[in-house]
Amino acid sequence: MNKVIITCAVTGAETTKKQCPNLPVTPEELADAAYGAWQAGAAIVHLHVRKEDGGPTQDLKIFKKAIDLIRKKCDIVVEITTGGAVGMTPEERVAPVSLEPDMASLDCGTVNFGNDYIVNTLPIMRQFASEMNKYKVKPTLECFDVSHVVSSHTLIKEGLIQPPYHYGFVMNVPGALPYNHKLISDMLSQLPAQSEFTIMGIGRAHLPAIFGALSFGGHIRVGYEDNIYFSRGVVAESNALFVERAARLVKEAQLEVAKPSDVRAMFKLAR
């Protein structure tokens, strides 16, 4: 495959305006950020939403407003989070799937998250997969550990997810799996057939993960959720700057930047 998907995670649940003054928070800001990322070459926007005070939320009204505004601006593939934020119940986290986004994240195991943790048991994974099937939403199987890739096989055996599969390797979260090529190889060794994968490098692993994705034949995720620094000590002025650099590196590698239409065809998206 010579087309590389660039996903942009425009805000996340943890980053604050104090850390990153240009962080998009309102639905209007999120839509503008998604549009800028799309213009720069992103095919997927990974979407969290925020309350008026900037805190994370899974509120359906806020999600719907943001999704509707994004879809009015461009044809970027909308992937919502069901990871939500630390402390949310599974029911809160999965609720926005009912809005019928194109895709949604599906965490494949419990993970340390700094000093906190996010619980994802097999029953929760089954619940989320069933909801995504109900609304024809394609899961991105987010894996913070090699064991999470293995856990996803249970959903496959039980017929809860269908190929082609899309995995997201989330690396360098404090308390979870660090980023290095050996661990990428370990995770790749557990992938089922008909799988695509995106590497997500958190913090200082952001740029190495782009090169790792290109060298291993995978896809790229960038954006303020994963990293706010464009270079050492310099906060990026926008999500689009990260996408522009990723697209440039894809082209330098003699590969093609995938378009939203490519993603829809590749993963047989319902909409």
Foldseek 3Di string as FASTA:
>chain_A
DQAFAEEEAAAAAPDDCVNPVLRQAALVSLLVQLLLQQVLFHQEYEDWHADPVRGTFLDQVRVLSSVVSNVVRDDRQYEYELQTDFPDDSCRSLVNVQVQGQAYEQEQAWFDAAPGIGGDDLVSSLVNLQSCVVSQHAYAYEYQALVSLVSVVVCVVVVSHDPPYEYEHEADRVRTHHDDLVRVVSSVVSHDPNYAYEYQAAEPCQVVSLVSQLVVVHHYYYYPNRYQAPDVPHGDNGSSVVSNVSQVVSVVSVGHHDHNVNVCVSGVTPD
